[in-house]
Amino acid sequence: MLFEKQSNNTVEEYMTKWLINTKRPSLKRSSYDRVEQSLNYQIFPAIGKIKLKKLTADDIQMMLNNLSERSSYSTTKKAYVNLKSCLDLAVLKGDIKKNPILSVVLPKNNKSDETVVYYSPEQARAIAAEAISTYNNGSFKYRYGYFIVFMLNTGLRVGEALALSWSDVDFTNKIVYVHNSVSSVKTRGDSSMKYEKIVNSPKSRNSVRYVPLNKTALDALVKIHAIMGDNDRIVTTENGLLVDPSAIHRTMSRILKNCGINGKKDIVHALRHTFATLLLRQGTDIKVVSEILGHSDISITMKFYYHVIEEQKKTAMTKLDEIY
């Protein structure tokens, strides 16, 4: 049996079995890693040693309250969702009589952790210039420099951009087909903490999309091909292998250091936020931006780029003053 009668199991023991036997078959490897991380770092340290049948709503509420104080809302919510899913199954299987989480209140999102990090137009220009700079002998400073420029001009997630093949690019119609993503996942069946790169389906159904290419993005692709050579993937290592997302992060760190740009977090994903912010400030319809970004719902775009929407409101009122 996948689950024996679990009356004496601790929360950690029960949830570990739930993760392996119930969740693993239905999740992508990258998603499985994220759930495992939520269990190991958020749930188990707080309530893992408590017997399942003795777990109370107060135990869970205290865990979530503490999480909310030190972590982001999304991290707290993931812990809540994972624990609830497991306890729902425990009730269904008769391992506990009632789900204690049903009387627990998920702490509200009172933080500004959803505020996006982006580069100013001046910083974006400096990053693009540094990314394609050369040494005195004419060789490029950064193997992935033009790839950085490409990301800045398409708004792709780093995993999506790394998964692109040349067959995904339509130079005639100036579009790129986004339908895969590169992830770094744990190598299972090995006691050591090793990771491997895989290509899988993207974040959501809406992530599969066609993205228009401007002249800068098209020119960057031509340069990338000249640097990388003839490979199936647009961007590869010197050995023609998949590039780990961490390599792009290291490249961005070097570029930012040489540009004198400090204090930014999520430095690679900030390229995507910069792309969207610039489009919105230029007056591009938010629905168009949402579709280009591959968001599952326009409300996500509105939440992330609230700062631009507020700017546009003020601008609209100023224009109204000009009429009168």
C-alpha atoms as a PDB file:
ATOM      1  CA  MET A   1       0.000   0.000   0.000  1.00  0.00           C
ATOM      2  CA  LEU A   2       1.180   3.526  -0.715  1.00  0.00           C
ATOM      3  CA  PHE A   3      -0.163   4.701   2.648  1.00  0.00           C
ATOM      4  CA  GLU A   4      -0.466   2.409   5.647  1.00  0.00           C
ATOM      5  CA  LYS A   5      -2.617   3.438   8.609  1.00  0.00           C
ATOM      6  CA  GLN A   6      -0.623   6.457   9.691  1.00  0.00           C
ATOM      7  CA  SER A   7      -1.830   7.006  13.277  1.00  0.00           C
ATOM      8  CA  ASN A   8       1.719   7.182  14.623  1.00  0.00           C
ATOM      9  CA  ASN A   9       3.358   9.030  11.744  1.00  0.00           C
ATOM     10  CA  THR A  10       4.765  12.488  12.292  1.00  0.00           C
ATOM     11  CA  VAL A  11       3.793  15.280   9.909  1.00  0.00           C
ATOM     12  CA  GLU A  12       7.200  14.971   8.249  1.00  0.00           C
ATOM     13  CA  GLU A  13       6.866  11.210   7.749  1.00  0.00           C
ATOM     14  CA  TYR A  14       3.347  11.466   6.380  1.00  0.00           C
ATOM     15  CA  MET A  15       4.027  14.397   4.070  1.00  0.00           C
ATOM     16  CA  THR A  16       7.194  12.783   2.718  1.00  0.00           C
ATOM     17  CA  LYS A  17       5.160   9.739   1.674  1.00  0.00           C
ATOM     18  CA  TRP A  18       2.485  12.030   0.233  1.00  0.00           C
ATOM     19  CA  LEU A  19       5.111  13.892  -1.767  1.00  0.00           C
ATOM     20  CA  ILE A  20       6.723  10.763  -3.207  1.00  0.00           C
ATOM     21  CA  ASN A  21       3.661   8.606  -3.780  1.00  0.00           C
ATOM     22  CA  THR A  22       0.932  11.113  -4.595  1.00  0.00           C
ATOM     23  CA  LYS A  23       2.520  14.295  -5.927  1.00  0.00           C
ATOM     24  CA  ARG A  24       5.601  13.039  -7.750  1.00  0.00           C
ATOM     25  CA  PRO A  25       3.766  11.176 -10.560  1.00  0.00           C
ATOM     26  CA  SER A  26       1.693  14.251 -11.445  1.00  0.00           C
ATOM     27  CA  LEU A  27       4.302  17.021 -11.278  1.00  0.00           C
ATOM     28  CA  LYS A  28       7.012  18.251 -13.607  1.00  0.00           C
ATOM     29  CA  ARG A  29      10.437  17.723 -12.082  1.00  0.00           C
ATOM     30  CA  SER A  30      10.952  21.438 -11.531  1.00  0.00           C
ATOM     31  CA  SER A  31       7.552  21.712  -9.812  1.00  0.00           C
ATOM     32  CA  TYR A  32       8.353  18.675  -7.656  1.00  0.00           C
ATOM     33  CA  ASP A  33      11.579  20.341  -6.528  1.00  0.00           C
ATOM     34  CA  ARG A  34       9.664  23.462  -5.493  1.00  0.00           C
ATOM     35  CA  VAL A  35       7.118  21.477  -3.452  1.00  0.00           C
ATOM     36  CA  GLU A  36       9.922  19.523  -1.788  1.00  0.00           C
ATOM     37  CA  GLN A  37      11.659  22.785  -0.937  1.00  0.00           C
ATOM     38  CA  SER A  38       8.470  24.144   0.636  1.00  0.00           C
ATOM     39  CA  LEU A  39       8.215  21.062   2.830  1.00  0.00           C
ATOM     40  CA  ASN A  40      11.875  20.938   3.840  1.00  0.00           C
ATOM     41  CA  TYR A  41      12.380  24.635   4.530  1.00  0.00           C
ATOM     42  CA  GLN A  42       8.991  25.981   5.592  1.00  0.00           C
ATOM     43  CA  ILE A  43       6.810  23.181   6.970  1.00  0.00           C
ATOM     44  CA  PHE A  44       9.051  20.511   8.513  1.00  0.00           C
ATOM     45  CA  PRO A  45      11.213  22.816  10.677  1.00  0.00           C
ATOM     46  CA  ALA A  46       8.051  24.173  12.321  1.00  0.00           C
ATOM     47  CA  ILE A  47       5.673  21.208  12.656  1.00  0.00           C
ATOM     48  CA  GLY A  48       7.483  18.221  11.149  1.00  0.00           C
ATOM     49  CA  LYS A  49       8.052  16.399  14.451  1.00  0.00           C
ATOM     50  CA  ILE A  50       4.437  16.658  15.612  1.00  0.00           C
ATOM     51  CA  LYS A  51       2.361  13.472  15.353  1.00  0.00           C
ATOM     52  CA  LEU A  52      -0.130  13.791  12.515  1.00  0.00           C
ATOM     53  CA  LYS A  53      -3.106  12.921  14.720  1.00  0.00           C
ATOM     54  CA  LYS A  54      -2.023  15.541  17.286  1.00  0.00           C
ATOM     55  CA  LEU A  55      -1.533  18.388  14.807  1.00  0.00           C
ATOM     56  CA  THR A  56      -3.793  21.297  15.751  1.00  0.00           C
ATOM     57  CA  ALA A  57      -5.038  24.450  14.065  1.00  0.00           C
ATOM     58  CA  ASP A  58      -2.981  26.451  16.563  1.00  0.00           C
ATOM     59  CA  ASP A  59       0.204  24.653  15.461  1.00  0.00           C
ATOM     60  CA  ILE A  60      -0.502  25.494  11.829  1.00  0.00           C
ATOM     61  CA  GLN A  61      -1.568  29.072  12.550  1.00  0.00           C
ATOM     62  CA  MET A  62       1.632  29.743  14.474  1.00  0.00           C
ATOM     63  CA  MET A  63       3.715  28.275  11.633  1.00  0.00           C
ATOM     64  CA  LEU A  64       1.993  30.456   9.023  1.00  0.00           C
ATOM     65  CA  ASN A  65       2.166  33.590  11.173  1.00  0.00           C
ATOM     66  CA  ASN A  66       5.911  33.120  11.705  1.00  0.00           C
ATOM     67  CA  LEU A  67       6.421  32.413   8.012  1.00  0.00           C
ATOM     68  CA  SER A  68       4.490  35.520   7.078  1.00  0.00           C
ATOM     69  CA  GLU A  69       6.743  37.694   9.233  1.00  0.00           C
ATOM     70  CA  ARG A  70      10.012  36.499   7.708  1.00  0.00           C
ATOM     71  CA  SER A  71       9.076  35.329   4.204  1.00  0.00           C
ATOM     72  CA  SER A  72       7.157  36.531   1.176  1.00  0.00           C
ATOM     73  CA  TYR A  73       3.418  36.066   0.863  1.00  0.00           C
ATOM     74  CA  SER A  74       3.888  33.607  -2.002  1.00  0.00           C
ATOM     75  CA  THR A  75       6.191  31.427   0.132  1.00  0.00           C
ATOM     76  CA  THR A  76       3.669  31.418   2.983  1.00  0.00           C
ATOM     77  CA  LYS A  77       0.788  30.625   0.642  1.00  0.00           C
ATOM     78  CA  LYS A  78       2.694  27.722  -0.960  1.00  0.00           C
ATOM     79  CA  ALA A  79       3.274  26.177   2.465  1.00  0.00           C
ATOM     80  CA  TYR A  80      -0.440  26.587   3.242  1.00  0.00           C
ATOM     81  CA  VAL A  81      -1.533  25.050  -0.075  1.00  0.00           C
ATOM     82  CA  ASN A  82       0.845  22.081   0.194  1.00  0.00           C
ATOM     83  CA  LEU A  83      -0.121  21.308   3.787  1.00  0.00           C
ATOM     84  CA  LYS A  84      -3.844  21.615   3.046  1.00  0.00           C
ATOM     85  CA  SER A  85      -3.565  19.298   0.040  1.00  0.00           C
ATOM     86  CA  CYS A  86      -1.844  16.625   2.117  1.00  0.00           C
ATOM     87  CA  LEU A  87      -4.254  16.936   5.049  1.00  0.00           C
ATOM     88  CA  ASP A  88      -7.263  16.807   2.711  1.00  0.00           C
ATOM     89  CA  LEU A  89      -5.987  13.452   1.484  1.00  0.00           C
ATOM     90  CA  ALA A  90      -5.389  12.286   5.055  1.00  0.00           C
ATOM     91  CA  VAL A  91      -9.064  12.952   5.851  1.00  0.00           C
ATOM     92  CA  LEU A  92     -10.176  11.211   2.663  1.00  0.00           C
ATOM     93  CA  LYS A  93      -8.119   8.143   3.580  1.00  0.00           C
ATOM     94  CA  GLY A  94      -9.386   8.103   7.150  1.00  0.00           C
ATOM     95  CA  ASP A  95      -5.961   8.782   8.653  1.00  0.00           C
ATOM     96  CA  ILE A  96      -7.333  11.818  10.504  1.00  0.00           C
ATOM     97  CA  LYS A  97     -10.956  12.673  11.261  1.00  0.00           C
ATOM     98  CA  LYS A  98     -10.856  16.385  10.467  1.00  0.00           C
ATOM     99  CA  ASN A  99      -8.505  18.715   8.623  1.00  0.00           C
ATOM    100  CA  PRO A 100      -7.213  21.203  11.244  1.00  0.00           C
ATOM    101  CA  ILE A 101      -6.201  23.711   8.576  1.00  0.00           C
ATOM    102  CA  LEU A 102      -9.867  24.451   7.813  1.00  0.00           C
ATOM    103  CA  SER A 103     -10.072  26.710  10.857  1.00  0.00           C
ATOM    104  CA  VAL A 104      -6.765  28.419  10.090  1.00  0.00           C
ATOM    105  CA  VAL A 105      -6.547  31.905   8.563  1.00  0.00           C
ATOM    106  CA  LEU A 106      -3.919  32.474   5.882  1.00  0.00           C
ATOM    107  CA  PRO A 107      -2.114  35.700   6.860  1.00  0.00           C
ATOM    108  CA  LYS A 108      -2.833  38.622   4.566  1.00  0.00           C
ATOM    109  CA  ASN A 109      -0.277  39.975   2.161  1.00  0.00           C
ATOM    110  CA  ASN A 110       0.739  43.142   3.976  1.00  0.00           C
ATOM    111  CA  LYS A 111       4.155  43.352   2.357  1.00  0.00           C
ATOM    112  CA  SER A 112       5.256  44.999  -0.846  1.00  0.00           C
ATOM    113  CA  ASP A 113       7.038  41.796  -1.920  1.00  0.00           C
ATOM    114  CA  GLU A 114       5.202  41.824  -5.239  1.00  0.00           C
ATOM    115  CA  THR A 115       6.870  45.108  -6.211  1.00  0.00           C
ATOM    116  CA  VAL A 116       8.866  44.389  -9.338  1.00  0.00           C
ATOM    117  CA  VAL A 117      12.540  45.160  -9.783  1.00  0.00           C
ATOM    118  CA  TYR A 118      13.404  46.846 -13.057  1.00  0.00           C
ATOM    119  CA  TYR A 119      16.134  48.975 -14.607  1.00  0.00           C
ATOM    120  CA  SER A 120      15.710  52.624 -15.534  1.00  0.00           C
ATOM    121  CA  PRO A 121      16.007  53.520 -19.243  1.00  0.00           C
ATOM    122  CA  GLU A 122      19.500  54.877 -18.552  1.00  0.00           C
ATOM    123  CA  GLN A 123      20.520  51.676 -16.770  1.00  0.00           C
ATOM    124  CA  ALA A 124      19.035  49.537 -19.556  1.00  0.00           C
ATOM    125  CA  ARG A 125      21.075  51.422 -22.159  1.00  0.00           C
ATOM    126  CA  ALA A 126      24.229  51.025 -20.065  1.00  0.00           C
ATOM    127  CA  ILE A 127      23.593  47.285 -19.630  1.00  0.00           C
ATOM    128  CA  ALA A 128      23.021  46.790 -23.368  1.00  0.00           C
ATOM    129  CA  ALA A 129      26.188  48.718 -24.249  1.00  0.00           C
ATOM    130  CA  GLU A 130      28.325  46.822 -21.740  1.00  0.00           C
ATOM    131  CA  ALA A 131      26.846  43.450 -22.755  1.00  0.00           C
ATOM    132  CA  ILE A 132      28.101  43.784 -26.344  1.00  0.00           C
ATOM    133  CA  SER A 133      31.432  45.458 -25.518  1.00  0.00           C
ATOM    134  CA  THR A 134      34.736  43.993 -26.705  1.00  0.00           C
ATOM    135  CA  TYR A 135      38.333  43.744 -25.579  1.00  0.00           C
ATOM    136  CA  ASN A 136      41.109  45.579 -27.402  1.00  0.00           C
ATOM    137  CA  ASN A 137      41.646  42.552 -29.636  1.00  0.00           C
ATOM    138  CA  GLY A 138      38.026  42.702 -30.808  1.00  0.00           C
ATOM    139  CA  SER A 139      36.765  39.637 -28.936  1.00  0.00           C
ATOM    140  CA  PHE A 140      33.529  39.969 -26.976  1.00  0.00           C
ATOM    141  CA  LYS A 141      33.780  40.325 -23.201  1.00  0.00           C
ATOM    142  CA  TYR A 142      30.705  38.185 -22.592  1.00  0.00           C
ATOM    143  CA  ARG A 143      29.755  34.970 -24.351  1.00  0.00           C
ATOM    144  CA  TYR A 144      26.113  35.590 -23.422  1.00  0.00           C
ATOM    145  CA  GLY A 145      26.158  39.364 -23.863  1.00  0.00           C
ATOM    146  CA  TYR A 146      23.967  39.490 -26.966  1.00  0.00           C
ATOM    147  CA  PHE A 147      21.655  36.987 -25.307  1.00  0.00           C
ATOM    148  CA  ILE A 148      21.168  39.537 -22.510  1.00  0.00           C
ATOM    149  CA  VAL A 149      20.273  42.153 -25.135  1.00  0.00           C
ATOM    150  CA  PHE A 150      17.852  39.692 -26.752  1.00  0.00           C
ATOM    151  CA  MET A 151      16.104  39.095 -23.405  1.00  0.00           C
ATOM    152  CA  LEU A 152      15.898  42.830 -22.714  1.00  0.00           C
ATOM    153  CA  ASN A 153      14.091  43.301 -26.041  1.00  0.00           C
ATOM    154  CA  THR A 154      11.690  40.341 -25.845  1.00  0.00           C
ATOM    155  CA  GLY A 155      10.713  40.059 -22.178  1.00  0.00           C
ATOM    156  CA  LEU A 156      11.216  36.292 -22.196  1.00  0.00           C
ATOM    157  CA  ARG A 157      11.828  34.389 -18.983  1.00  0.00           C
ATOM    158  CA  VAL A 158      15.412  33.163 -18.877  1.00  0.00           C
ATOM    159  CA  GLY A 159      14.362  29.495 -19.074  1.00  0.00           C
ATOM    160  CA  GLU A 160      12.164  30.199 -22.102  1.00  0.00           C
ATOM    161  CA  ALA A 161      14.951  32.019 -23.925  1.00  0.00           C
ATOM    162  CA  LEU A 162      17.520  29.297 -23.169  1.00  0.00           C
ATOM    163  CA  ALA A 163      15.194  26.630 -24.596  1.00  0.00           C
ATOM    164  CA  LEU A 164      14.809  28.344 -27.979  1.00  0.00           C
ATOM    165  CA  SER A 165      15.970  26.599 -31.137  1.00  0.00           C
ATOM    166  CA  TRP A 166      16.711  28.281 -34.449  1.00  0.00           C
ATOM    167  CA  SER A 167      13.649  26.545 -35.863  1.00  0.00           C
ATOM    168  CA  ASP A 168      11.561  28.637 -33.446  1.00  0.00           C
ATOM    169  CA  VAL A 169      12.670  31.881 -35.104  1.00  0.00           C
ATOM    170  CA  ASP A 170      10.842  33.271 -38.132  1.00  0.00           C
ATOM    171  CA  PHE A 171      13.086  36.009 -39.515  1.00  0.00           C
ATOM    172  CA  THR A 172      10.669  36.776 -42.345  1.00  0.00           C
ATOM    173  CA  ASN A 173       7.695  37.515 -40.095  1.00  0.00           C
ATOM    174  CA  LYS A 174       9.916  38.750 -37.254  1.00  0.00           C
ATOM    175  CA  ILE A 175       8.514  36.488 -34.541  1.00  0.00           C
ATOM    176  CA  VAL A 176       9.788  33.781 -32.202  1.00  0.00           C
ATOM    177  CA  TYR A 177       7.784  30.771 -31.047  1.00  0.00           C
ATOM    178  CA  VAL A 178       8.057  30.210 -27.284  1.00  0.00           C
ATOM    179  CA  HIS A 179       7.003  26.719 -26.218  1.00  0.00           C
ATOM    180  CA  ASN A 180       9.666  25.238 -23.928  1.00  0.00           C
ATOM    181  CA  SER A 181      11.717  26.176 -20.893  1.00  0.00           C
ATOM    182  CA  VAL A 182      15.081  25.121 -19.458  1.00  0.00           C
ATOM    183  CA  SER A 183      15.116  24.252 -15.758  1.00  0.00           C
ATOM    184  CA  SER A 184      17.789  23.092 -13.350  1.00  0.00           C
ATOM    185  CA  VAL A 185      16.438  20.134 -11.368  1.00  0.00           C
ATOM    186  CA  LYS A 186      17.703  17.702  -8.768  1.00  0.00           C
ATOM    187  CA  THR A 187      19.223  14.463  -9.995  1.00  0.00           C
ATOM    188  CA  ARG A 188      17.114  11.805  -8.261  1.00  0.00           C
ATOM    189  CA  GLY A 189      18.433   8.461  -7.086  1.00  0.00           C
ATOM    190  CA  ASP A 190      21.723  10.002  -6.037  1.00  0.00           C
ATOM    191  CA  SER A 191      22.669  10.750  -2.444  1.00  0.00           C
ATOM    192  CA  SER A 192      24.740  13.752  -3.520  1.00  0.00           C
ATOM    193  CA  MET A 193      23.151  17.144  -4.173  1.00  0.00           C
ATOM    194  CA  LYS A 194      23.609  17.187  -7.939  1.00  0.00           C
ATOM    195  CA  TYR A 195      21.525  19.077 -10.473  1.00  0.00           C
ATOM    196  CA  GLU A 196      20.924  18.638 -14.166  1.00  0.00           C
ATOM    197  CA  LYS A 197      19.409  20.797 -16.881  1.00  0.00           C
ATOM    198  CA  ILE A 198      16.228  19.684 -18.622  1.00  0.00           C
ATOM    199  CA  VAL A 199      13.855  21.110 -21.229  1.00  0.00           C
ATOM    200  CA  ASN A 200      10.176  20.891 -20.385  1.00  0.00           C
ATOM    201  CA  SER A 201       6.887  22.645 -21.048  1.00  0.00           C
ATOM    202  CA  PRO A 202       6.714  26.290 -19.933  1.00  0.00           C
ATOM    203  CA  LYS A 203       5.053  27.792 -16.867  1.00  0.00           C
ATOM    204  CA  SER A 204       1.449  27.774 -18.131  1.00  0.00           C
ATOM    205  CA  ARG A 205      -0.674  27.266 -21.243  1.00  0.00           C
ATOM    206  CA  ASN A 206      -0.498  30.997 -21.954  1.00  0.00           C
ATOM    207  CA  SER A 207       3.286  30.804 -21.842  1.00  0.00           C
ATOM    208  CA  VAL A 208       3.164  29.044 -25.217  1.00  0.00           C
ATOM    209  CA  ARG A 209       3.051  32.021 -27.556  1.00  0.00           C
ATOM    210  CA  TYR A 210       4.495  33.956 -30.475  1.00  0.00           C
ATOM    211  CA  VAL A 211       6.561  36.992 -29.504  1.00  0.00           C
ATOM    212  CA  PRO A 212       7.282  39.776 -32.024  1.00  0.00           C
ATOM    213  CA  LEU A 213      10.914  40.729 -32.584  1.00  0.00           C
ATOM    214  CA  ASN A 214      12.149  44.293 -32.986  1.00  0.00           C
ATOM    215  CA  LYS A 215      15.254  45.186 -34.993  1.00  0.00           C
ATOM    216  CA  THR A 216      17.513  45.093 -31.936  1.00  0.00           C
ATOM    217  CA  ALA A 217      16.360  41.564 -31.054  1.00  0.00           C
ATOM    218  CA  LEU A 218      16.812  40.378 -34.658  1.00  0.00           C
ATOM    219  CA  ASP A 219      20.296  41.895 -34.857  1.00  0.00           C
ATOM    220  CA  ALA A 220      21.166  40.248 -31.529  1.00  0.00           C
ATOM    221  CA  LEU A 221      20.152  36.853 -32.932  1.00  0.00           C
ATOM    222  CA  VAL A 222      22.464  37.334 -35.922  1.00  0.00           C
ATOM    223  CA  LYS A 223      25.342  38.144 -33.575  1.00  0.00           C
ATOM    224  CA  ILE A 224      24.480  35.212 -31.313  1.00  0.00           C
ATOM    225  CA  HIS A 225      24.693  32.847 -34.282  1.00  0.00           C
ATOM    226  CA  ALA A 226      28.090  34.254 -35.222  1.00  0.00           C
ATOM    227  CA  ILE A 227      29.349  33.715 -31.667  1.00  0.00           C
ATOM    228  CA  MET A 228      27.742  30.342 -30.939  1.00  0.00           C
ATOM    229  CA  GLY A 229      28.140  28.690 -34.327  1.00  0.00           C
ATOM    230  CA  ASP A 230      25.831  26.140 -35.904  1.00  0.00           C
ATOM    231  CA  ASN A 231      23.838  24.474 -33.139  1.00  0.00           C
ATOM    232  CA  ASP A 232      20.209  23.460 -32.784  1.00  0.00           C
ATOM    233  CA  ARG A 233      19.759  25.700 -29.744  1.00  0.00           C
ATOM    234  CA  ILE A 234      20.171  29.430 -30.146  1.00  0.00           C
ATOM    235  CA  VAL A 235      22.381  29.673 -27.056  1.00  0.00           C
ATOM    236  CA  THR A 236      24.765  26.939 -25.931  1.00  0.00           C
ATOM    237  CA  THR A 237      27.887  26.402 -23.892  1.00  0.00           C
ATOM    238  CA  GLU A 238      31.217  26.219 -25.690  1.00  0.00           C
ATOM    239  CA  ASN A 239      30.642  22.450 -25.877  1.00  0.00           C
ATOM    240  CA  GLY A 240      27.258  22.888 -27.534  1.00  0.00           C
ATOM    241  CA  LEU A 241      25.283  21.935 -24.409  1.00  0.00           C
ATOM    242  CA  LEU A 242      22.287  23.517 -22.692  1.00  0.00           C
ATOM    243  CA  VAL A 243      23.182  26.633 -20.734  1.00  0.00           C
ATOM    244  CA  ASP A 244      22.367  26.640 -17.032  1.00  0.00           C
ATOM    245  CA  PRO A 245      20.305  29.680 -15.977  1.00  0.00           C
ATOM    246  CA  SER A 246      22.931  30.359 -13.300  1.00  0.00           C
ATOM    247  CA  ALA A 247      25.461  31.113 -16.068  1.00  0.00           C
ATOM    248  CA  ILE A 248      23.259  33.966 -17.271  1.00  0.00           C
ATOM    249  CA  HIS A 249      23.005  35.231 -13.696  1.00  0.00           C
ATOM    250  CA  ARG A 250      26.807  35.270 -13.422  1.00  0.00           C
ATOM    251  CA  THR A 251      27.073  37.166 -16.705  1.00  0.00           C
ATOM    252  CA  MET A 252      24.547  39.749 -15.505  1.00  0.00           C
ATOM    253  CA  SER A 253      26.454  40.145 -12.231  1.00  0.00           C
ATOM    254  CA  ARG A 254      29.634  40.992 -14.159  1.00  0.00           C
ATOM    255  CA  ILE A 255      27.803  43.404 -16.451  1.00  0.00           C
ATOM    256  CA  LEU A 256      26.124  45.220 -13.553  1.00  0.00           C
ATOM    257  CA  LYS A 257      29.420  45.477 -11.674  1.00  0.00           C
ATOM    258  CA  ASN A 258      31.119  47.006 -14.707  1.00  0.00           C
ATOM    259  CA  CYS A 259      28.177  49.403 -15.138  1.00  0.00           C
ATOM    260  CA  GLY A 260      28.303  50.464 -11.508  1.00  0.00           C
ATOM    261  CA  ILE A 261      24.722  49.309 -10.916  1.00  0.00           C
ATOM    262  CA  ASN A 262      24.241  48.011  -7.372  1.00  0.00           C
ATOM    263  CA  GLY A 263      21.463  47.009  -5.002  1.00  0.00           C
ATOM    264  CA  LYS A 264      19.291  45.098  -7.467  1.00  0.00           C
ATOM    265  CA  LYS A 265      17.776  41.694  -6.727  1.00  0.00           C
ATOM    266  CA  ASP A 266      16.446  39.184  -9.265  1.00  0.00           C
ATOM    267  CA  ILE A 267      18.905  40.782 -11.673  1.00  0.00           C
ATOM    268  CA  VAL A 268      18.085  38.562 -14.670  1.00  0.00           C
ATOM    269  CA  HIS A 269      14.302  38.565 -14.230  1.00  0.00           C
ATOM    270  CA  ALA A 270      14.548  42.345 -13.907  1.00  0.00           C
ATOM    271  CA  LEU A 271      15.265  42.409 -17.658  1.00  0.00           C
ATOM    272  CA  ARG A 272      11.751  41.062 -18.250  1.00  0.00           C
ATOM    273  CA  HIS A 273      10.234  43.619 -15.883  1.00  0.00           C
ATOM    274  CA  THR A 274      12.208  46.388 -17.590  1.00  0.00           C
ATOM    275  CA  PHE A 275      10.895  45.327 -21.000  1.00  0.00           C
ATOM    276  CA  ALA A 276       7.289  45.408 -19.770  1.00  0.00           C
ATOM    277  CA  THR A 277       7.683  48.676 -17.872  1.00  0.00           C
ATOM    278  CA  LEU A 278       9.142  50.445 -20.912  1.00  0.00           C
ATOM    279  CA  LEU A 279       6.356  49.177 -23.178  1.00  0.00           C
ATOM    280  CA  LEU A 280       3.654  50.336 -20.781  1.00  0.00           C
ATOM    281  CA  ARG A 281       5.258  53.743 -20.313  1.00  0.00           C
ATOM    282  CA  GLN A 282       5.255  54.152 -24.086  1.00  0.00           C
ATOM    283  CA  GLY A 283       1.497  53.653 -24.059  1.00  0.00           C
ATOM    284  CA  THR A 284       1.279  50.020 -25.204  1.00  0.00           C
ATOM    285  CA  ASP A 285      -2.076  48.489 -24.275  1.00  0.00           C
ATOM    286  CA  ILE A 286      -1.714  46.403 -21.109  1.00  0.00           C
ATOM    287  CA  LYS A 287      -3.551  43.459 -22.710  1.00  0.00           C
ATOM    288  CA  VAL A 288      -0.957  43.392 -25.501  1.00  0.00           C
ATOM    289  CA  VAL A 289       1.869  43.482 -22.959  1.00  0.00           C
ATOM    290  CA  SER A 290       0.194  40.681 -20.982  1.00  0.00           C
ATOM    291  CA  GLU A 291      -0.004  38.471 -24.077  1.00  0.00           C
ATOM    292  CA  ILE A 292       3.614  39.140 -25.031  1.00  0.00           C
ATOM    293  CA  LEU A 293       4.732  38.235 -21.504  1.00  0.00           C
ATOM    294  CA  GLY A 294       2.636  35.056 -21.531  1.00  0.00           C
ATOM    295  CA  HIS A 295       0.723  35.829 -18.347  1.00  0.00           C
ATOM    296  CA  SER A 296      -2.193  33.497 -17.654  1.00  0.00           C
ATOM    297  CA  ASP A 297      -4.437  36.454 -16.820  1.00  0.00           C
ATOM    298  CA  ILE A 298      -4.284  40.206 -17.361  1.00  0.00           C
ATOM    299  CA  SER A 299      -4.807  40.708 -13.615  1.00  0.00           C
ATOM    300  CA  ILE A 300      -1.287  39.347 -13.079  1.00  0.00           C
ATOM    301  CA  THR A 301       0.118  42.008 -15.386  1.00  0.00           C
ATOM    302  CA  MET A 302      -1.869  44.722 -13.630  1.00  0.00           C
ATOM    303  CA  LYS A 303      -0.632  43.538 -10.226  1.00  0.00           C
ATOM    304  CA  PHE A 304       3.035  43.453 -11.258  1.00  0.00           C
ATOM    305  CA  TYR A 305       3.018  46.765 -13.092  1.00  0.00           C
ATOM    306  CA  TYR A 306       0.792  48.719 -10.750  1.00  0.00           C
ATOM    307  CA  HIS A 307       3.507  51.380 -10.514  1.00  0.00           C
ATOM    308  CA  VAL A 308       3.176  52.175 -14.226  1.00  0.00           C
ATOM    309  CA  ILE A 309      -0.624  52.198 -14.102  1.00  0.00           C
ATOM    310  CA  GLU A 310      -0.486  54.763 -11.288  1.00  0.00           C
ATOM    311  CA  GLU A 311       1.870  56.900 -13.380  1.00  0.00           C
ATOM    312  CA  GLN A 312      -0.522  56.704 -16.328  1.00  0.00           C
ATOM    313  CA  LYS A 313      -3.450  57.814 -14.147  1.00  0.00           C
ATOM    314  CA  LYS A 314      -1.586  60.952 -13.138  1.00  0.00           C
ATOM    315  CA  THR A 315      -0.593  61.630 -16.746  1.00  0.00           C
ATOM    316  CA  ALA A 316      -4.207  61.220 -17.848  1.00  0.00           C
ATOM    317  CA  MET A 317      -5.369  63.794 -15.314  1.00  0.00           C
ATOM    318  CA  THR A 318      -2.680  66.225 -16.467  1.00  0.00           C
ATOM    319  CA  LYS A 319      -3.849  65.863 -20.070  1.00  0.00           C
ATOM    320  CA  LEU A 320      -7.409  66.570 -18.952  1.00  0.00           C
ATOM    321  CA  ASP A 321      -6.206  69.843 -17.399  1.00  0.00           C
ATOM    322  CA  GLU A 322      -4.742  70.819 -20.774  1.00  0.00           C
ATOM    323  CA  ILE A 323      -8.188  70.508 -22.402  1.00  0.00           C
ATOM    324  CA  TYR A 324      -9.728  73.014 -20.029  1.00  0.00           C
END
